[in-house]
Structures are given as structure tokens and as C-alpha cells.
Amino acid sequence: VEKGILNYSESIMADMIGIPTHGRKGLSHF
């Protein structure tokens, strides 16, 4: 997942990456 997000973002020359988190419950299942 990590490589996929970074590689895709680089391939389209993105300016920012957004990710969801579960907050105090820890990182989301994804």
C-alpha cells in the first residue's frame, strides 16, 4: 500500500497526499 500510494502520487506529479486515520483508535484498517 505504501509503495503504491507513493509511486502513484509521483507518477501523476501530485502536490500532496491525503490519508485517513482512526485517531485515538489507531490507524485505519487500510
PDB file of all heavy atoms in Angstrom:
ATOM      1  N   VAL A   1       0.835  -1.201   0.000  1.00  0.00           N
ATOM      2  CA  VAL A   1       0.000   0.000   0.000  1.00  0.00           C
ATOM      3  C   VAL A   1       0.868   1.248   0.000  1.00  0.00           C
ATOM      4  O   VAL A   1       0.635   2.191  -0.763  1.00  0.00           O
ATOM      5  CB  VAL A   1      -0.941   0.004   1.227  1.00  0.00           C
ATOM      6  CG1 VAL A   1      -1.674   1.339   1.326  1.00  0.00           C
ATOM      7  CG2 VAL A   1      -1.938  -1.127   1.143  1.00  0.00           C
ATOM      8  N   GLU A   2       1.904   1.252   0.865  1.00  0.00           N
ATOM      9  CA  GLU A   2       2.777   2.422   0.959  1.00  0.00           C
ATOM     10  C   GLU A   2       3.430   2.733  -0.385  1.00  0.00           C
ATOM     11  O   GLU A   2       3.382   3.869  -0.880  1.00  0.00           O
ATOM     12  CB  GLU A   2       3.855   2.194   2.008  1.00  0.00           C
ATOM     13  CG  GLU A   2       4.840   3.363   2.116  1.00  0.00           C
ATOM     14  CD  GLU A   2       6.117   2.998   2.856  1.00  0.00           C
ATOM     15  OE1 GLU A   2       6.150   1.948   3.503  1.00  0.00           O
ATOM     16  OE2 GLU A   2       7.083   3.776   2.759  1.00  0.00           O
ATOM     17  N   LYS A   3       4.054   1.698  -1.002  1.00  0.00           N
ATOM     18  CA  LYS A   3       4.719   1.912  -2.286  1.00  0.00           C
ATOM     19  C   LYS A   3       3.724   2.357  -3.351  1.00  0.00           C
ATOM     20  O   LYS A   3       4.032   3.205  -4.197  1.00  0.00           O
ATOM     21  CB  LYS A   3       5.430   0.629  -2.725  1.00  0.00           C
ATOM     22  CG  LYS A   3       6.677   0.309  -1.923  1.00  0.00           C
ATOM     23  CD  LYS A   3       7.365  -0.944  -2.454  1.00  0.00           C
ATOM     24  CE  LYS A   3       8.642  -1.239  -1.674  1.00  0.00           C
ATOM     25  NZ  LYS A   3       9.309  -2.476  -2.167  1.00  0.00           N
ATOM     26  N   GLY A   4       2.542   1.767  -3.313  1.00  0.00           N
ATOM     27  CA  GLY A   4       1.527   2.109  -4.297  1.00  0.00           C
ATOM     28  C   GLY A   4       1.121   3.569  -4.218  1.00  0.00           C
ATOM     29  O   GLY A   4       1.026   4.267  -5.240  1.00  0.00           O
ATOM     30  N   ILE A   5       0.891   4.070  -3.000  1.00  0.00           N
ATOM     31  CA  ILE A   5       0.486   5.469  -2.812  1.00  0.00           C
ATOM     32  C   ILE A   5       1.610   6.409  -3.257  1.00  0.00           C
ATOM     33  O   ILE A   5       1.367   7.384  -3.976  1.00  0.00           O
ATOM     34  CB  ILE A   5       0.117   5.732  -1.348  1.00  0.00           C
ATOM     35  CG1 ILE A   5      -1.142   4.948  -0.969  1.00  0.00           C
ATOM     36  CG2 ILE A   5      -0.105   7.231  -1.101  1.00  0.00           C
ATOM     37  CD1 ILE A   5      -1.485   5.003   0.500  1.00  0.00           C
ATOM     38  N   LEU A   6       2.830   6.109  -2.836  1.00  0.00           N
ATOM     39  CA  LEU A   6       3.963   6.973  -3.176  1.00  0.00           C
ATOM     40  C   LEU A   6       4.247   6.955  -4.678  1.00  0.00           C
ATOM     41  O   LEU A   6       4.471   7.997  -5.301  1.00  0.00           O
ATOM     42  CB  LEU A   6       5.209   6.558  -2.397  1.00  0.00           C
ATOM     43  CG  LEU A   6       5.135   6.724  -0.870  1.00  0.00           C
ATOM     44  CD1 LEU A   6       6.394   6.170  -0.212  1.00  0.00           C
ATOM     45  CD2 LEU A   6       4.937   8.179  -0.484  1.00  0.00           C
ATOM     46  N   ASN A   7       4.229   5.747  -5.273  1.00  0.00           N
ATOM     47  CA  ASN A   7       4.522   5.637  -6.700  1.00  0.00           C
ATOM     48  C   ASN A   7       3.435   6.270  -7.558  1.00  0.00           C
ATOM     49  O   ASN A   7       3.728   6.937  -8.557  1.00  0.00           O
ATOM     50  CB  ASN A   7       4.708   4.162  -7.087  1.00  0.00           C
ATOM     51  CG  ASN A   7       5.999   3.577  -6.551  1.00  0.00           C
ATOM     52  OD1 ASN A   7       6.962   4.303  -6.293  1.00  0.00           O
ATOM     53  ND2 ASN A   7       6.036   2.269  -6.376  1.00  0.00           N
ATOM     54  N   TYR A   8       2.178   6.067  -7.170  1.00  0.00           N
ATOM     55  CA  TYR A   8       1.084   6.673  -7.938  1.00  0.00           C
ATOM     56  C   TYR A   8       1.148   8.193  -7.844  1.00  0.00           C
ATOM     57  O   TYR A   8       1.007   8.897  -8.850  1.00  0.00           O
ATOM     58  CB  TYR A   8      -0.275   6.182  -7.429  1.00  0.00           C
ATOM     59  CG  TYR A   8      -1.432   6.870  -8.108  1.00  0.00           C
ATOM     60  CD1 TYR A   8      -1.768   6.579  -9.430  1.00  0.00           C
ATOM     61  CD2 TYR A   8      -2.182   7.840  -7.432  1.00  0.00           C
ATOM     62  CE1 TYR A   8      -2.821   7.222 -10.062  1.00  0.00           C
ATOM     63  CE2 TYR A   8      -3.242   8.488  -8.056  1.00  0.00           C
ATOM     64  CZ  TYR A   8      -3.548   8.169  -9.372  1.00  0.00           C
ATOM     65  OH  TYR A   8      -4.587   8.827  -9.999  1.00  0.00           O
ATOM     66  N   SER A   9       1.387   8.699  -6.650  1.00  0.00           N
ATOM     67  CA  SER A   9       1.459  10.160  -6.451  1.00  0.00           C
ATOM     68  C   SER A   9       2.582  10.763  -7.282  1.00  0.00           C
ATOM     69  O   SER A   9       2.433  11.830  -7.875  1.00  0.00           O
ATOM     70  CB  SER A   9       1.666  10.477  -4.968  1.00  0.00           C
ATOM     71  OG  SER A   9       0.594   9.978  -4.201  1.00  0.00           O
ATOM     72  N   GLU A  10       3.712  10.053  -7.323  1.00  0.00           N
ATOM     73  CA  GLU A  10       4.841  10.545  -8.118  1.00  0.00           C
ATOM     74  C   GLU A  10       4.518  10.492  -9.612  1.00  0.00           C
ATOM     75  O   GLU A  10       4.888  11.403 -10.366  1.00  0.00           O
ATOM     76  CB  GLU A  10       6.090   9.707  -7.824  1.00  0.00           C
ATOM     77  CG  GLU A  10       7.338  10.190  -8.546  1.00  0.00           C
ATOM     78  CD  GLU A  10       8.575   9.387  -8.196  1.00  0.00           C
ATOM     79  OE1 GLU A  10       8.482   8.482  -7.332  1.00  0.00           O
ATOM     80  OE2 GLU A  10       9.643   9.662  -8.777  1.00  0.00           O
ATOM     81  N   SER A  11       3.807   9.440 -10.037  1.00  0.00           N
ATOM     82  CA  SER A  11       3.525   9.269 -11.463  1.00  0.00           C
ATOM     83  C   SER A  11       2.613  10.354 -12.019  1.00  0.00           C
ATOM     84  O   SER A  11       2.694  10.683 -13.207  1.00  0.00           O
ATOM     85  CB  SER A  11       2.892   7.888 -11.716  1.00  0.00           C
ATOM     86  OG  SER A  11       1.556   7.834 -11.214  1.00  0.00           O
ATOM     87  N   ILE A  12       1.743  10.906 -11.173  1.00  0.00           N
ATOM     88  CA  ILE A  12       0.845  11.968 -11.663  1.00  0.00           C
ATOM     89  C   ILE A  12       1.315  13.350 -11.196  1.00  0.00           C
ATOM     90  O   ILE A  12       0.599  14.332 -11.364  1.00  0.00           O
ATOM     91  CB  ILE A  12      -0.607  11.726 -11.205  1.00  0.00           C
ATOM     92  CG1 ILE A  12      -0.744  11.884  -9.686  1.00  0.00           C
ATOM     93  CG2 ILE A  12      -1.121  10.361 -11.664  1.00  0.00           C
ATOM     94  CD1 ILE A  12      -2.180  11.973  -9.224  1.00  0.00           C
ATOM     95  N   MET A  13       2.506  13.400 -10.590  1.00  0.00           N
ATOM     96  CA  MET A  13       3.094  14.659 -10.115  1.00  0.00           C
ATOM     97  C   MET A  13       2.152  15.379  -9.144  1.00  0.00           C
ATOM     98  O   MET A  13       1.885  16.568  -9.273  1.00  0.00           O
ATOM     99  CB  MET A  13       3.437  15.564 -11.304  1.00  0.00           C
ATOM    100  CG  MET A  13       4.442  14.941 -12.265  1.00  0.00           C
ATOM    101  SD  MET A  13       4.848  15.984 -13.681  1.00  0.00           S
ATOM    102  CE  MET A  13       5.742  17.306 -12.849  1.00  0.00           C
ATOM    103  N   ALA A  14       1.663  14.634  -8.158  1.00  0.00           N
ATOM    104  CA  ALA A  14       0.764  15.201  -7.146  1.00  0.00           C
ATOM    105  C   ALA A  14       1.523  16.162  -6.238  1.00  0.00           C
ATOM    106  O   ALA A  14       2.741  16.043  -6.052  1.00  0.00           O
ATOM    107  CB  ALA A  14       0.137  14.085  -6.319  1.00  0.00           C
ATOM    108  N   ASP A  15       0.801  17.102  -5.644  1.00  0.00           N
ATOM    109  CA  ASP A  15       1.395  18.090  -4.747  1.00  0.00           C
ATOM    110  C   ASP A  15       1.221  17.725  -3.278  1.00  0.00           C
ATOM    111  O   ASP A  15       1.897  18.275  -2.416  1.00  0.00           O
ATOM    112  CB  ASP A  15       0.760  19.466  -4.988  1.00  0.00           C
ATOM    113  CG  ASP A  15       0.891  19.914  -6.419  1.00  0.00           C
ATOM    114  OD1 ASP A  15       2.032  20.070  -6.882  1.00  0.00           O
ATOM    115  OD2 ASP A  15      -0.147  20.101  -7.088  1.00  0.00           O
ATOM    116  N   MET A  16       0.298  16.779  -2.997  1.00  0.00           N
ATOM    117  CA  MET A  16       0.026  16.407  -1.611  1.00  0.00           C
ATOM    118  C   MET A  16      -0.657  15.052  -1.583  1.00  0.00           C
ATOM    119  O   MET A  16      -1.362  14.678  -2.520  1.00  0.00           O
ATOM    120  CB  MET A  16      -0.860  17.467  -0.933  1.00  0.00           C
ATOM    121  CG  MET A  16      -1.242  17.155   0.504  1.00  0.00           C
ATOM    122  SD  MET A  16      -2.207  18.502   1.282  1.00  0.00           S
ATOM    123  CE  MET A  16      -0.887  19.650   1.717  1.00  0.00           C
ATOM    124  N   ILE A  17      -0.423  14.296  -0.492  1.00  0.00           N
ATOM    125  CA  ILE A  17      -1.063  13.006  -0.286  1.00  0.00           C
ATOM    126  C   ILE A  17      -1.982  13.097   0.926  1.00  0.00           C
ATOM    127  O   ILE A  17      -1.569  13.577   1.989  1.00  0.00           O
ATOM    128  CB  ILE A  17      -0.025  11.891  -0.055  1.00  0.00           C
ATOM    129  CG1 ILE A  17       0.849  11.715  -1.298  1.00  0.00           C
ATOM    130  CG2 ILE A  17      -0.703  10.578   0.317  1.00  0.00           C
ATOM    131  CD1 ILE A  17       2.017  10.762  -1.089  1.00  0.00           C
ATOM    132  N   GLY A  18      -3.198  12.634   0.792  1.00  0.00           N
ATOM    133  CA  GLY A  18      -4.147  12.610   1.898  1.00  0.00           C
ATOM    134  C   GLY A  18      -4.404  11.177   2.341  1.00  0.00           C
ATOM    135  O   GLY A  18      -4.600  10.290   1.501  1.00  0.00           O
ATOM    136  N   ILE A  19      -4.373  10.924   3.662  1.00  0.00           N
ATOM    137  CA  ILE A  19      -4.631   9.583   4.180  1.00  0.00           C
ATOM    138  C   ILE A  19      -5.600   9.665   5.364  1.00  0.00           C
ATOM    139  O   ILE A  19      -5.562  10.609   6.145  1.00  0.00           O
ATOM    140  CB  ILE A  19      -3.339   8.864   4.623  1.00  0.00           C
ATOM    141  CG1 ILE A  19      -2.584   9.697   5.657  1.00  0.00           C
ATOM    142  CG2 ILE A  19      -2.455   8.556   3.428  1.00  0.00           C
ATOM    143  CD1 ILE A  19      -1.362   8.990   6.228  1.00  0.00           C
ATOM    144  N   PRO A  20      -6.483   8.664   5.504  1.00  0.00           N
ATOM    145  CA  PRO A  20      -7.403   8.628   6.643  1.00  0.00           C
ATOM    146  C   PRO A  20      -6.767   7.960   7.857  1.00  0.00           C
ATOM    147  O   PRO A  20      -5.934   7.066   7.704  1.00  0.00           O
ATOM    148  CB  PRO A  20      -8.571   7.792   6.124  1.00  0.00           C
ATOM    149  CG  PRO A  20      -7.933   6.860   5.141  1.00  0.00           C
ATOM    150  CD  PRO A  20      -6.753   7.588   4.542  1.00  0.00           C
ATOM    151  N   THR A  21      -7.136   8.395   9.060  1.00  0.00           N
ATOM    152  CA  THR A  21      -6.697   7.722  10.287  1.00  0.00           C
ATOM    153  C   THR A  21      -7.881   7.592  11.223  1.00  0.00           C
ATOM    154  O   THR A  21      -8.831   8.357  11.159  1.00  0.00           O
ATOM    155  CB  THR A  21      -5.584   8.505  11.010  1.00  0.00           C
ATOM    156  OG1 THR A  21      -6.123   9.726  11.515  1.00  0.00           O
ATOM    157  CG2 THR A  21      -4.421   8.789  10.087  1.00  0.00           C
ATOM    158  N   HIS A  22      -7.785   6.610  12.107  1.00  0.00           N
ATOM    159  CA  HIS A  22      -8.845   6.373  13.093  1.00  0.00           C
ATOM    160  C   HIS A  22      -8.632   7.180  14.364  1.00  0.00           C
ATOM    161  O   HIS A  22      -9.305   6.962  15.350  1.00  0.00           O
ATOM    162  CB  HIS A  22      -8.907   4.891  13.460  1.00  0.00           C
ATOM    163  CG  HIS A  22      -9.918   4.134  12.672  1.00  0.00           C
ATOM    164  ND1 HIS A  22     -11.261   4.408  12.709  1.00  0.00           N
ATOM    165  CD2 HIS A  22      -9.769   3.105  11.803  1.00  0.00           C
ATOM    166  CE1 HIS A  22     -11.902   3.574  11.912  1.00  0.00           C
ATOM    167  NE2 HIS A  22     -11.020   2.784  11.343  1.00  0.00           N
ATOM    168  N   GLY A  23      -7.663   8.074  14.373  1.00  0.00           N
ATOM    169  CA  GLY A  23      -7.423   8.879  15.571  1.00  0.00           C
ATOM    170  C   GLY A  23      -6.945   8.050  16.735  1.00  0.00           C
ATOM    171  O   GLY A  23      -6.050   7.225  16.616  1.00  0.00           O
ATOM    172  N   ARG A  24      -7.571   8.231  17.889  1.00  0.00           N
ATOM    173  CA  ARG A  24      -7.114   7.566  19.116  1.00  0.00           C
ATOM    174  C   ARG A  24      -7.244   6.055  19.039  1.00  0.00           C
ATOM    175  O   ARG A  24      -6.666   5.330  19.826  1.00  0.00           O
ATOM    176  CB  ARG A  24      -7.901   8.085  20.323  1.00  0.00           C
ATOM    177  CG  ARG A  24      -7.678   9.562  20.595  1.00  0.00           C
ATOM    178  CD  ARG A  24      -8.507  10.033  21.780  1.00  0.00           C
ATOM    179  NE  ARG A  24      -8.351  11.445  22.013  1.00  0.00           N
ATOM    180  CZ  ARG A  24      -9.020  12.386  21.380  1.00  0.00           C
ATOM    181  NH1 ARG A  24      -9.899  12.056  20.470  1.00  0.00           N
ATOM    182  NH2 ARG A  24      -8.834  13.658  21.646  1.00  0.00           N
ATOM    183  N   LYS A  25      -8.050   5.549  18.115  1.00  0.00           N
ATOM    184  CA  LYS A  25      -8.235   4.113  17.993  1.00  0.00           C
ATOM    185  C   LYS A  25      -7.125   3.465  17.167  1.00  0.00           C
ATOM    186  O   LYS A  25      -7.119   2.270  16.969  1.00  0.00           O
ATOM    187  CB  LYS A  25      -9.594   3.824  17.339  1.00  0.00           C
ATOM    188  CG  LYS A  25     -10.772   4.326  18.169  1.00  0.00           C
ATOM    189  CD  LYS A  25     -12.078   4.043  17.462  1.00  0.00           C
ATOM    190  CE  LYS A  25     -13.251   4.592  18.261  1.00  0.00           C
ATOM    191  NZ  LYS A  25     -14.538   4.381  17.570  1.00  0.00           N
ATOM    192  N   GLY A  26      -6.190   4.269  16.695  1.00  0.00           N
ATOM    193  CA  GLY A  26      -5.105   3.730  15.896  1.00  0.00           C
ATOM    194  C   GLY A  26      -5.334   3.981  14.425  1.00  0.00           C
ATOM    195  O   GLY A  26      -6.383   4.459  14.010  1.00  0.00           O
ATOM    196  N   LEU A  27      -4.385   3.613  13.599  1.00  0.00           N
ATOM    197  CA  LEU A  27      -4.518   3.825  12.170  1.00  0.00           C
ATOM    198  C   LEU A  27      -5.637   2.949  11.623  1.00  0.00           C
ATOM    199  O   LEU A  27      -5.943   1.891  12.148  1.00  0.00           O
ATOM    200  CB  LEU A  27      -3.193   3.501  11.477  1.00  0.00           C
ATOM    201  CG  LEU A  27      -2.022   4.399  11.888  1.00  0.00           C
ATOM    202  CD1 LEU A  27      -0.729   3.897  11.253  1.00  0.00           C
ATOM    203  CD2 LEU A  27      -2.275   5.823  11.440  1.00  0.00           C
ATOM    204  N   SER A  28      -6.265   3.416  10.553  1.00  0.00           N
ATOM    205  CA  SER A  28      -7.407   2.709   9.980  1.00  0.00           C
ATOM    206  C   SER A  28      -7.006   1.319   9.507  1.00  0.00           C
ATOM    207  O   SER A  28      -5.835   0.985   9.380  1.00  0.00           O
ATOM    208  CB  SER A  28      -7.948   3.497   8.782  1.00  0.00           C
ATOM    209  OG  SER A  28      -7.048   3.425   7.709  1.00  0.00           O
ATOM    210  N   HIS A  29      -8.011   0.503   9.245  1.00  0.00           N
ATOM    211  CA  HIS A  29      -7.762  -0.868   8.798  1.00  0.00           C
ATOM    212  C   HIS A  29      -6.911  -0.873   7.529  1.00  0.00           C
ATOM    213  O   HIS A  29      -6.043  -1.718   7.347  1.00  0.00           O
ATOM    214  CB  HIS A  29      -9.089  -1.575   8.529  1.00  0.00           C
ATOM    215  CG  HIS A  29      -8.940  -2.964   8.013  1.00  0.00           C
ATOM    216  ND1 HIS A  29      -8.501  -4.008   8.794  1.00  0.00           N
ATOM    217  CD2 HIS A  29      -9.145  -3.491   6.782  1.00  0.00           C
ATOM    218  CE1 HIS A  29      -8.450  -5.116   8.074  1.00  0.00           C
ATOM    219  NE2 HIS A  29      -8.839  -4.827   6.838  1.00  0.00           N
ATOM    220  N   PHE A  30      -7.159   0.088   6.671  1.00  0.00           N
ATOM    221  CA  PHE A  30      -6.402   0.163   5.417  1.00  0.00           C
ATOM    222  C   PHE A  30      -4.948   0.517   5.687  1.00  0.00           C
ATOM    223  O   PHE A  30      -4.058   0.029   5.016  1.00  0.00           O
ATOM    224  CB  PHE A  30      -7.049   1.225   4.524  1.00  0.00           C
ATOM    225  CG  PHE A  30      -6.424   1.333   3.151  1.00  0.00           C
ATOM    226  CD1 PHE A  30      -6.308   0.229   2.332  1.00  0.00           C
ATOM    227  CD2 PHE A  30      -5.959   2.550   2.700  1.00  0.00           C
ATOM    228  CE1 PHE A  30      -5.759   0.330   1.065  1.00  0.00           C
ATOM    229  CE2 PHE A  30      -5.396   2.665   1.432  1.00  0.00           C
ATOM    230  CZ  PHE A  30      -5.302   1.549   0.618  1.00  0.00           C
TER     231      PHE A  30
END
